[in-house]
Amino acid sequence: MFYTYVLQSEKDGKLYTGYTKDLDLRFEQHQKGQVESTMNRRPFKLIYYEACLGQADALKREKYLKTHYGKMFLKNRLKSYFTG
């Protein structure tokens, strides 16, 4: 399985989207500052993830979630999370 995931920075509130084969390990790497693109935005909350059977599908989903329509999908899907 491959996972597409969304993290929310507890420091600035911004979202980070990525994909990985090992979600637990990747989240731990983000939390420890071992990922260059997110090291200054720690700590994080894992707010969303999806499982895919193949790497190509997970990568496509990651790219989609980074688009305008993908961000709208996330806001709608996580509406109760964002509005409290």
PDB file of N, CA and C in Angstrom:
ATOM      1  N   MET A   1       0.838  -1.191   0.000  1.00  0.00           N
ATOM      2  CA  MET A   1       0.000   0.000   0.000  1.00  0.00           C
ATOM      3  C   MET A   1       0.880   1.251   0.000  1.00  0.00           C
ATOM      4  N   PHE A   2       0.376   2.288  -0.626  1.00  0.00           N
ATOM      5  CA  PHE A   2       0.995   3.609  -0.603  1.00  0.00           C
ATOM      6  C   PHE A   2      -0.037   4.579  -0.046  1.00  0.00           C
ATOM      7  N   TYR A   3       0.427   5.596   0.614  1.00  0.00           N
ATOM      8  CA  TYR A   3      -0.465   6.526   1.295  1.00  0.00           C
ATOM      9  C   TYR A   3      -0.221   7.953   0.823  1.00  0.00           C
ATOM     10  N   THR A   4      -1.301   8.650   0.543  1.00  0.00           N
ATOM     11  CA  THR A   4      -1.268  10.086   0.315  1.00  0.00           C
ATOM     12  C   THR A   4      -1.760  10.713   1.611  1.00  0.00           C
ATOM     13  N   TYR A   5      -1.044  11.702   2.107  1.00  0.00           N
ATOM     14  CA  TYR A   5      -1.369  12.241   3.428  1.00  0.00           C
ATOM     15  C   TYR A   5      -1.312  13.762   3.446  1.00  0.00           C
ATOM     16  N   VAL A   6      -2.008  14.327   4.427  1.00  0.00           N
ATOM     17  CA  VAL A   6      -2.013  15.774   4.620  1.00  0.00           C
ATOM     18  C   VAL A   6      -1.671  16.048   6.084  1.00  0.00           C
ATOM     19  N   LEU A   7      -0.673  16.878   6.277  1.00  0.00           N
ATOM     20  CA  LEU A   7      -0.276  17.305   7.617  1.00  0.00           C
ATOM     21  C   LEU A   7      -0.661  18.759   7.799  1.00  0.00           C
ATOM     22  N   GLN A   8      -0.968  19.130   9.033  1.00  0.00           N
ATOM     23  CA  GLN A   8      -1.199  20.531   9.349  1.00  0.00           C
ATOM     24  C   GLN A   8      -0.154  20.949  10.374  1.00  0.00           C
ATOM     25  N   SER A   9       0.539  22.026  10.057  1.00  0.00           N
ATOM     26  CA  SER A   9       1.542  22.555  10.970  1.00  0.00           C
ATOM     27  C   SER A   9       0.853  23.203  12.158  1.00  0.00           C
ATOM     28  N   GLU A  10       1.260  22.816  13.355  1.00  0.00           N
ATOM     29  CA  GLU A  10       0.720  23.456  14.556  1.00  0.00           C
ATOM     30  C   GLU A  10       1.378  24.810  14.780  1.00  0.00           C
ATOM     31  N   LYS A  11       2.464  25.073  14.068  1.00  0.00           N
ATOM     32  CA  LYS A  11       3.179  26.349  14.197  1.00  0.00           C
ATOM     33  C   LYS A  11       2.503  27.454  13.377  1.00  0.00           C
ATOM     34  N   ASP A  12       2.209  27.161  12.095  1.00  0.00           N
ATOM     35  CA  ASP A  12       1.638  28.198  11.229  1.00  0.00           C
ATOM     36  C   ASP A  12       0.266  27.840  10.656  1.00  0.00           C
ATOM     37  N   GLY A  13      -0.229  26.635  10.926  1.00  0.00           N
ATOM     38  CA  GLY A  13      -1.554  26.235  10.468  1.00  0.00           C
ATOM     39  C   GLY A  13      -1.624  25.798   9.021  1.00  0.00           C
ATOM     40  N   LYS A  14      -0.526  25.900   8.278  1.00  0.00           N
ATOM     41  CA  LYS A  14      -0.529  25.554   6.859  1.00  0.00           C
ATOM     42  C   LYS A  14      -0.494  24.044   6.667  1.00  0.00           C
ATOM     43  N   LEU A  15      -0.961  23.630   5.487  1.00  0.00           N
ATOM     44  CA  LEU A  15      -1.032  22.205   5.164  1.00  0.00           C
ATOM     45  C   LEU A  15       0.159  21.780   4.326  1.00  0.00           C
ATOM     46  N   TYR A  16       0.545  20.514   4.481  1.00  0.00           N
ATOM     47  CA  TYR A  16       1.581  19.889   3.669  1.00  0.00           C
ATOM     48  C   TYR A  16       1.018  18.577   3.159  1.00  0.00           C
ATOM     49  N   THR A  17       1.143  18.323   1.865  1.00  0.00           N
ATOM     50  CA  THR A  17       0.635  17.099   1.255  1.00  0.00           C
ATOM     51  C   THR A  17       1.801  16.296   0.702  1.00  0.00           C
ATOM     52  N   GLY A  18       1.780  14.990   0.942  1.00  0.00           N
ATOM     53  CA  GLY A  18       2.825  14.119   0.431  1.00  0.00           C
ATOM     54  C   GLY A  18       2.308  12.714   0.235  1.00  0.00           C
ATOM     55  N   TYR A  19       3.206  11.812  -0.189  1.00  0.00           N
ATOM     56  CA  TYR A  19       2.845  10.410  -0.295  1.00  0.00           C
ATOM     57  C   TYR A  19       4.023   9.561   0.143  1.00  0.00           C
ATOM     58  N   THR A  20       3.721   8.342   0.589  1.00  0.00           N
ATOM     59  CA  THR A  20       4.756   7.465   1.115  1.00  0.00           C
ATOM     60  C   THR A  20       4.284   6.017   1.128  1.00  0.00           C
ATOM     61  N   LYS A  21       5.226   5.112   1.281  1.00  0.00           N
ATOM     62  CA  LYS A  21       4.887   3.697   1.445  1.00  0.00           C
ATOM     63  C   LYS A  21       4.703   3.366   2.929  1.00  0.00           C
ATOM     64  N   ASP A  22       5.396   4.073   3.804  1.00  0.00           N
ATOM     65  CA  ASP A  22       5.334   3.812   5.250  1.00  0.00           C
ATOM     66  C   ASP A  22       4.879   5.087   5.965  1.00  0.00           C
ATOM     67  N   LEU A  23       3.593   5.178   6.217  1.00  0.00           N
ATOM     68  CA  LEU A  23       3.014   6.401   6.778  1.00  0.00           C
ATOM     69  C   LEU A  23       3.555   6.709   8.173  1.00  0.00           C
ATOM     70  N   ASP A  24       3.663   5.704   9.019  1.00  0.00           N
ATOM     71  CA  ASP A  24       4.162   5.930  10.381  1.00  0.00           C
ATOM     72  C   ASP A  24       5.591   6.474  10.374  1.00  0.00           C
ATOM     73  N   LEU A  25       6.456   5.855   9.580  1.00  0.00           N
ATOM     74  CA  LEU A  25       7.849   6.300   9.495  1.00  0.00           C
ATOM     75  C   LEU A  25       7.939   7.715   8.935  1.00  0.00           C
ATOM     76  N   ARG A  26       7.174   7.987   7.886  1.00  0.00           N
ATOM     77  CA  ARG A  26       7.236   9.314   7.255  1.00  0.00           C
ATOM     78  C   ARG A  26       6.745  10.401   8.209  1.00  0.00           C
ATOM     79  N   PHE A  27       5.677  10.113   8.946  1.00  0.00           N
ATOM     80  CA  PHE A  27       5.173  11.086   9.915  1.00  0.00           C
ATOM     81  C   PHE A  27       6.228  11.342  10.993  1.00  0.00           C
ATOM     82  N   GLU A  28       6.882  10.288  11.444  1.00  0.00           N
ATOM     83  CA  GLU A  28       7.954  10.425  12.441  1.00  0.00           C
ATOM     84  C   GLU A  28       9.101  11.282  11.894  1.00  0.00           C
ATOM     85  N   GLN A  29       9.449  11.094  10.634  1.00  0.00           N
ATOM     86  CA  GLN A  29      10.509  11.899  10.008  1.00  0.00           C
ATOM     87  C   GLN A  29      10.116  13.376   9.973  1.00  0.00           C
ATOM     88  N   HIS A  30       8.862  13.647   9.643  1.00  0.00           N
ATOM     89  CA  HIS A  30       8.396  15.037   9.652  1.00  0.00           C
ATOM     90  C   HIS A  30       8.496  15.621  11.065  1.00  0.00           C
ATOM     91  N   GLN A  31       8.061  14.877  12.053  1.00  0.00           N
ATOM     92  CA  GLN A  31       8.058  15.359  13.434  1.00  0.00           C
ATOM     93  C   GLN A  31       9.470  15.616  13.963  1.00  0.00           C
ATOM     94  N   LYS A  32      10.439  14.832  13.521  1.00  0.00           N
ATOM     95  CA  LYS A  32      11.818  14.962  13.999  1.00  0.00           C
ATOM     96  C   LYS A  32      12.626  15.996  13.212  1.00  0.00           C
ATOM     97  N   GLY A  33      12.020  16.581  12.176  1.00  0.00           N
ATOM     98  CA  GLY A  33      12.723  17.577  11.381  1.00  0.00           C
ATOM     99  C   GLY A  33      13.664  16.982  10.358  1.00  0.00           C
ATOM    100  N   GLN A  34      13.439  15.743   9.958  1.00  0.00           N
ATOM    101  CA  GLN A  34      14.301  15.066   8.996  1.00  0.00           C
ATOM    102  C   GLN A  34      13.871  15.272   7.551  1.00  0.00           C
ATOM    103  N   VAL A  35      12.805  16.044   7.350  1.00  0.00           N
ATOM    104  CA  VAL A  35      12.326  16.354   5.998  1.00  0.00           C
ATOM    105  C   VAL A  35      12.598  17.836   5.767  1.00  0.00           C
ATOM    106  N   GLU A  36      13.465  18.119   4.812  1.00  0.00           N
ATOM    107  CA  GLU A  36      13.942  19.482   4.602  1.00  0.00           C
ATOM    108  C   GLU A  36      12.818  20.491   4.359  1.00  0.00           C
ATOM    109  N   SER A  37      11.812  20.093   3.594  1.00  0.00           N
ATOM    110  CA  SER A  37      10.755  21.042   3.238  1.00  0.00           C
ATOM    111  C   SER A  37       9.837  21.391   4.403  1.00  0.00           C
ATOM    112  N   THR A  38       9.848  20.612   5.471  1.00  0.00           N
ATOM    113  CA  THR A  38       8.944  20.891   6.591  1.00  0.00           C
ATOM    114  C   THR A  38       9.657  21.101   7.923  1.00  0.00           C
ATOM    115  N   MET A  39      10.979  21.050   7.947  1.00  0.00           N
ATOM    116  CA  MET A  39      11.693  21.065   9.226  1.00  0.00           C
ATOM    117  C   MET A  39      11.433  22.317  10.065  1.00  0.00           C
ATOM    118  N   ASN A  40      11.131  23.435   9.440  1.00  0.00           N
ATOM    119  CA  ASN A  40      10.910  24.672  10.191  1.00  0.00           C
ATOM    120  C   ASN A  40       9.448  24.910  10.544  1.00  0.00           C
ATOM    121  N   ARG A  41       8.588  23.953  10.226  1.00  0.00           N
ATOM    122  CA  ARG A  41       7.154  24.135  10.478  1.00  0.00           C
ATOM    123  C   ARG A  41       6.614  23.154  11.513  1.00  0.00           C
ATOM    124  N   ARG A  42       7.467  22.472  12.223  1.00  0.00           N
ATOM    125  CA  ARG A  42       7.060  21.479  13.232  1.00  0.00           C
ATOM    126  C   ARG A  42       6.461  22.151  14.443  1.00  0.00           C
ATOM    127  N   PRO A  43       5.648  21.450  15.196  1.00  0.00           N
ATOM    128  CA  PRO A  43       5.147  20.082  15.046  1.00  0.00           C
ATOM    129  C   PRO A  43       3.943  20.022  14.113  1.00  0.00           C
ATOM    130  N   PHE A  44       3.559  18.791  13.759  1.00  0.00           N
ATOM    131  CA  PHE A  44       2.469  18.550  12.823  1.00  0.00           C
ATOM    132  C   PHE A  44       1.393  17.676  13.428  1.00  0.00           C
ATOM    133  N   LYS A  45       0.208  17.796  12.824  1.00  0.00           N
ATOM    134  CA  LYS A  45      -0.882  16.859  13.078  1.00  0.00           C
ATOM    135  C   LYS A  45      -1.186  16.187  11.747  1.00  0.00           C
ATOM    136  N   LEU A  46      -1.370  14.880  11.771  1.00  0.00           N
ATOM    137  CA  LEU A  46      -1.825  14.163  10.588  1.00  0.00           C
ATOM    138  C   LEU A  46      -3.336  14.326  10.549  1.00  0.00           C
ATOM    139  N   ILE A  47      -3.837  15.064   9.551  1.00  0.00           N
ATOM    140  CA  ILE A  47      -5.272  15.345   9.534  1.00  0.00           C
ATOM    141  C   ILE A  47      -6.037  14.552   8.482  1.00  0.00           C
ATOM    142  N   TYR A  48      -5.318  13.915   7.539  1.00  0.00           N
ATOM    143  CA  TYR A  48      -6.014  13.176   6.478  1.00  0.00           C
ATOM    144  C   TYR A  48      -5.038  12.236   5.790  1.00  0.00           C
ATOM    145  N   TYR A  49      -5.525  11.062   5.425  1.00  0.00           N
ATOM    146  CA  TYR A  49      -4.737  10.184   4.559  1.00  0.00           C
ATOM    147  C   TYR A  49      -5.648   9.265   3.774  1.00  0.00           C
ATOM    148  N   GLU A  50      -5.132   8.796   2.645  1.00  0.00           N
ATOM    149  CA  GLU A  50      -5.821   7.854   1.782  1.00  0.00           C
ATOM    150  C   GLU A  50      -4.849   6.738   1.437  1.00  0.00           C
ATOM    151  N   ALA A  51      -5.344   5.529   1.322  1.00  0.00           N
ATOM    152  CA  ALA A  51      -4.516   4.387   0.934  1.00  0.00           C
ATOM    153  C   ALA A  51      -4.748   4.068  -0.538  1.00  0.00           C
ATOM    154  N   CYS A  52      -3.664   3.785  -1.244  1.00  0.00           N
ATOM    155  CA  CYS A  52      -3.724   3.403  -2.653  1.00  0.00           C
ATOM    156  C   CYS A  52      -2.965   2.097  -2.830  1.00  0.00           C
ATOM    157  N   LEU A  53      -3.371   1.305  -3.803  1.00  0.00           N
ATOM    158  CA  LEU A  53      -2.708   0.027  -4.043  1.00  0.00           C
ATOM    159  C   LEU A  53      -1.355   0.183  -4.721  1.00  0.00           C
ATOM    160  N   GLY A  54      -1.185   1.252  -5.496  1.00  0.00           N
ATOM    161  CA  GLY A  54       0.069   1.431  -6.218  1.00  0.00           C
ATOM    162  C   GLY A  54       0.666   2.814  -6.035  1.00  0.00           C
ATOM    163  N   GLN A  55       1.959   2.901  -6.277  1.00  0.00           N
ATOM    164  CA  GLN A  55       2.675   4.166  -6.132  1.00  0.00           C
ATOM    165  C   GLN A  55       2.182   5.217  -7.123  1.00  0.00           C
ATOM    166  N   ALA A  56       1.923   4.801  -8.347  1.00  0.00           N
ATOM    167  CA  ALA A  56       1.472   5.752  -9.371  1.00  0.00           C
ATOM    168  C   ALA A  56       0.155   6.402  -8.971  1.00  0.00           C
ATOM    169  N   ASP A  57      -0.760   5.620  -8.412  1.00  0.00           N
ATOM    170  CA  ASP A  57      -2.047   6.174  -7.982  1.00  0.00           C
ATOM    171  C   ASP A  57      -1.868   7.154  -6.823  1.00  0.00           C
ATOM    172  N   ALA A  58      -0.996   6.821  -5.870  1.00  0.00           N
ATOM    173  CA  ALA A  58      -0.751   7.707  -4.730  1.00  0.00           C
ATOM    174  C   ALA A  58      -0.124   9.014  -5.195  1.00  0.00           C
ATOM    175  N   LEU A  59       0.806   8.939  -6.143  1.00  0.00           N
ATOM    176  CA  LEU A  59       1.450  10.142  -6.666  1.00  0.00           C
ATOM    177  C   LEU A  59       0.441  11.026  -7.405  1.00  0.00           C
ATOM    178  N   LYS A  60      -0.431  10.407  -8.201  1.00  0.00           N
ATOM    179  CA  LYS A  60      -1.478  11.171  -8.900  1.00  0.00           C
ATOM    180  C   LYS A  60      -2.400  11.863  -7.901  1.00  0.00           C
ATOM    181  N   ARG A  61      -2.747  11.146  -6.852  1.00  0.00           N
ATOM    182  CA  ARG A  61      -3.641  11.718  -5.842  1.00  0.00           C
ATOM    183  C   ARG A  61      -2.959  12.875  -5.119  1.00  0.00           C
ATOM    184  N   GLU A  62      -1.678  12.724  -4.801  1.00  0.00           N
ATOM    185  CA  GLU A  62      -0.928  13.814  -4.165  1.00  0.00           C
ATOM    186  C   GLU A  62      -0.944  15.051  -5.059  1.00  0.00           C
ATOM    187  N   LYS A  63      -0.653  14.860  -6.338  1.00  0.00           N
ATOM    188  CA  LYS A  63      -0.637  15.998  -7.263  1.00  0.00           C
ATOM    189  C   LYS A  63      -2.010  16.653  -7.362  1.00  0.00           C
ATOM    190  N   TYR A  64      -3.074  15.839  -7.369  1.00  0.00           N
ATOM    191  CA  TYR A  64      -4.424  16.391  -7.420  1.00  0.00           C
ATOM    192  C   TYR A  64      -4.723  17.210  -6.168  1.00  0.00           C
ATOM    193  N   LEU A  65      -4.384  16.688  -4.995  1.00  0.00           N
ATOM    194  CA  LEU A  65      -4.698  17.390  -3.747  1.00  0.00           C
ATOM    195  C   LEU A  65      -3.945  18.713  -3.618  1.00  0.00           C
ATOM    196  N   LYS A  66      -2.890  18.875  -4.395  1.00  0.00           N
ATOM    197  CA  LYS A  66      -2.133  20.127  -4.376  1.00  0.00           C
ATOM    198  C   LYS A  66      -2.709  21.173  -5.337  1.00  0.00           C
ATOM    199  N   THR A  67      -3.680  20.768  -6.169  1.00  0.00           N
ATOM    200  CA  THR A  67      -4.305  21.711  -7.106  1.00  0.00           C
ATOM    201  C   THR A  67      -5.397  22.506  -6.390  1.00  0.00           C
ATOM    202  N   HIS A  68      -5.908  23.506  -7.069  1.00  0.00           N
ATOM    203  CA  HIS A  68      -6.998  24.307  -6.523  1.00  0.00           C
ATOM    204  C   HIS A  68      -8.207  23.420  -6.203  1.00  0.00           C
ATOM    205  N   TYR A  69      -8.559  22.554  -7.146  1.00  0.00           N
ATOM    206  CA  TYR A  69      -9.722  21.680  -6.926  1.00  0.00           C
ATOM    207  C   TYR A  69      -9.460  20.663  -5.818  1.00  0.00           C
ATOM    208  N   GLY A  70      -8.233  20.196  -5.708  1.00  0.00           N
ATOM    209  CA  GLY A  70      -7.881  19.279  -4.636  1.00  0.00           C
ATOM    210  C   GLY A  70      -7.976  19.942  -3.276  1.00  0.00           C
ATOM    211  N   LYS A  71      -7.561  21.192  -3.194  1.00  0.00           N
ATOM    212  CA  LYS A  71      -7.662  21.933  -1.926  1.00  0.00           C
ATOM    213  C   LYS A  71      -9.123  22.180  -1.566  1.00  0.00           C
ATOM    214  N   MET A  72      -9.956  22.435  -2.586  1.00  0.00           N
ATOM    215  CA  MET A  72     -11.390  22.591  -2.336  1.00  0.00           C
ATOM    216  C   MET A  72     -11.983  21.276  -1.839  1.00  0.00           C
ATOM    217  N   PHE A  73     -11.552  20.158  -2.432  1.00  0.00           N
ATOM    218  CA  PHE A  73     -12.017  18.842  -1.993  1.00  0.00           C
ATOM    219  C   PHE A  73     -11.670  18.628  -0.514  1.00  0.00           C
ATOM    220  N   LEU A  74     -10.445  18.931  -0.141  1.00  0.00           N
ATOM    221  CA  LEU A  74     -10.023  18.743   1.253  1.00  0.00           C
ATOM    222  C   LEU A  74     -10.819  19.623   2.203  1.00  0.00           C
ATOM    223  N   LYS A  75     -11.024  20.871   1.827  1.00  0.00           N
ATOM    224  CA  LYS A  75     -11.798  21.775   2.692  1.00  0.00           C
ATOM    225  C   LYS A  75     -13.218  21.260   2.887  1.00  0.00           C
ATOM    226  N   ASN A  76     -13.808  20.719   1.827  1.00  0.00           N
ATOM    227  CA  ASN A  76     -15.153  20.166   1.922  1.00  0.00           C
ATOM    228  C   ASN A  76     -15.147  18.854   2.710  1.00  0.00           C
ATOM    229  N   ARG A  77     -14.175  18.006   2.440  1.00  0.00           N
ATOM    230  CA  ARG A  77     -14.091  16.697   3.106  1.00  0.00           C
ATOM    231  C   ARG A  77     -13.824  16.856   4.613  1.00  0.00           C
ATOM    232  N   LEU A  78     -13.039  17.871   4.969  1.00  0.00           N
ATOM    233  CA  LEU A  78     -12.671  18.093   6.371  1.00  0.00           C
ATOM    234  C   LEU A  78     -13.382  19.314   6.956  1.00  0.00           C
ATOM    235  N   LYS A  79     -14.551  19.601   6.408  1.00  0.00           N
ATOM    236  CA  LYS A  79     -15.305  20.802   6.803  1.00  0.00           C
ATOM    237  C   LYS A  79     -15.493  20.901   8.315  1.00  0.00           C
ATOM    238  N   SER A  80     -15.913  19.832   8.948  1.00  0.00           N
ATOM    239  CA  SER A  80     -16.140  19.886  10.390  1.00  0.00           C
ATOM    240  C   SER A  80     -14.836  20.046  11.164  1.00  0.00           C
ATOM    241  N   TYR A  81     -13.721  19.537  10.622  1.00  0.00           N
ATOM    242  CA  TYR A  81     -12.423  19.719  11.278  1.00  0.00           C
ATOM    243  C   TYR A  81     -12.023  21.193  11.265  1.00  0.00           C
ATOM    244  N   PHE A  82     -12.179  21.838  10.079  1.00  0.00           N
ATOM    245  CA  PHE A  82     -11.749  23.225   9.947  1.00  0.00           C
ATOM    246  C   PHE A  82     -12.688  24.217  10.636  1.00  0.00           C
ATOM    247  N   THR A  83     -13.964  23.886  10.727  1.00  0.00           N
ATOM    248  CA  THR A  83     -14.912  24.828  11.345  1.00  0.00           C
ATOM    249  C   THR A  83     -15.142  24.567  12.829  1.00  0.00           C
ATOM    250  N   GLY A  84     -14.677  23.429  13.297  1.00  0.00           N
ATOM    251  CA  GLY A  84     -14.784  23.115  14.726  1.00  0.00           C
ATOM    252  C   GLY A  84     -16.074  22.569  15.037  1.00  0.00           C
TER     253      GLY A  84
END
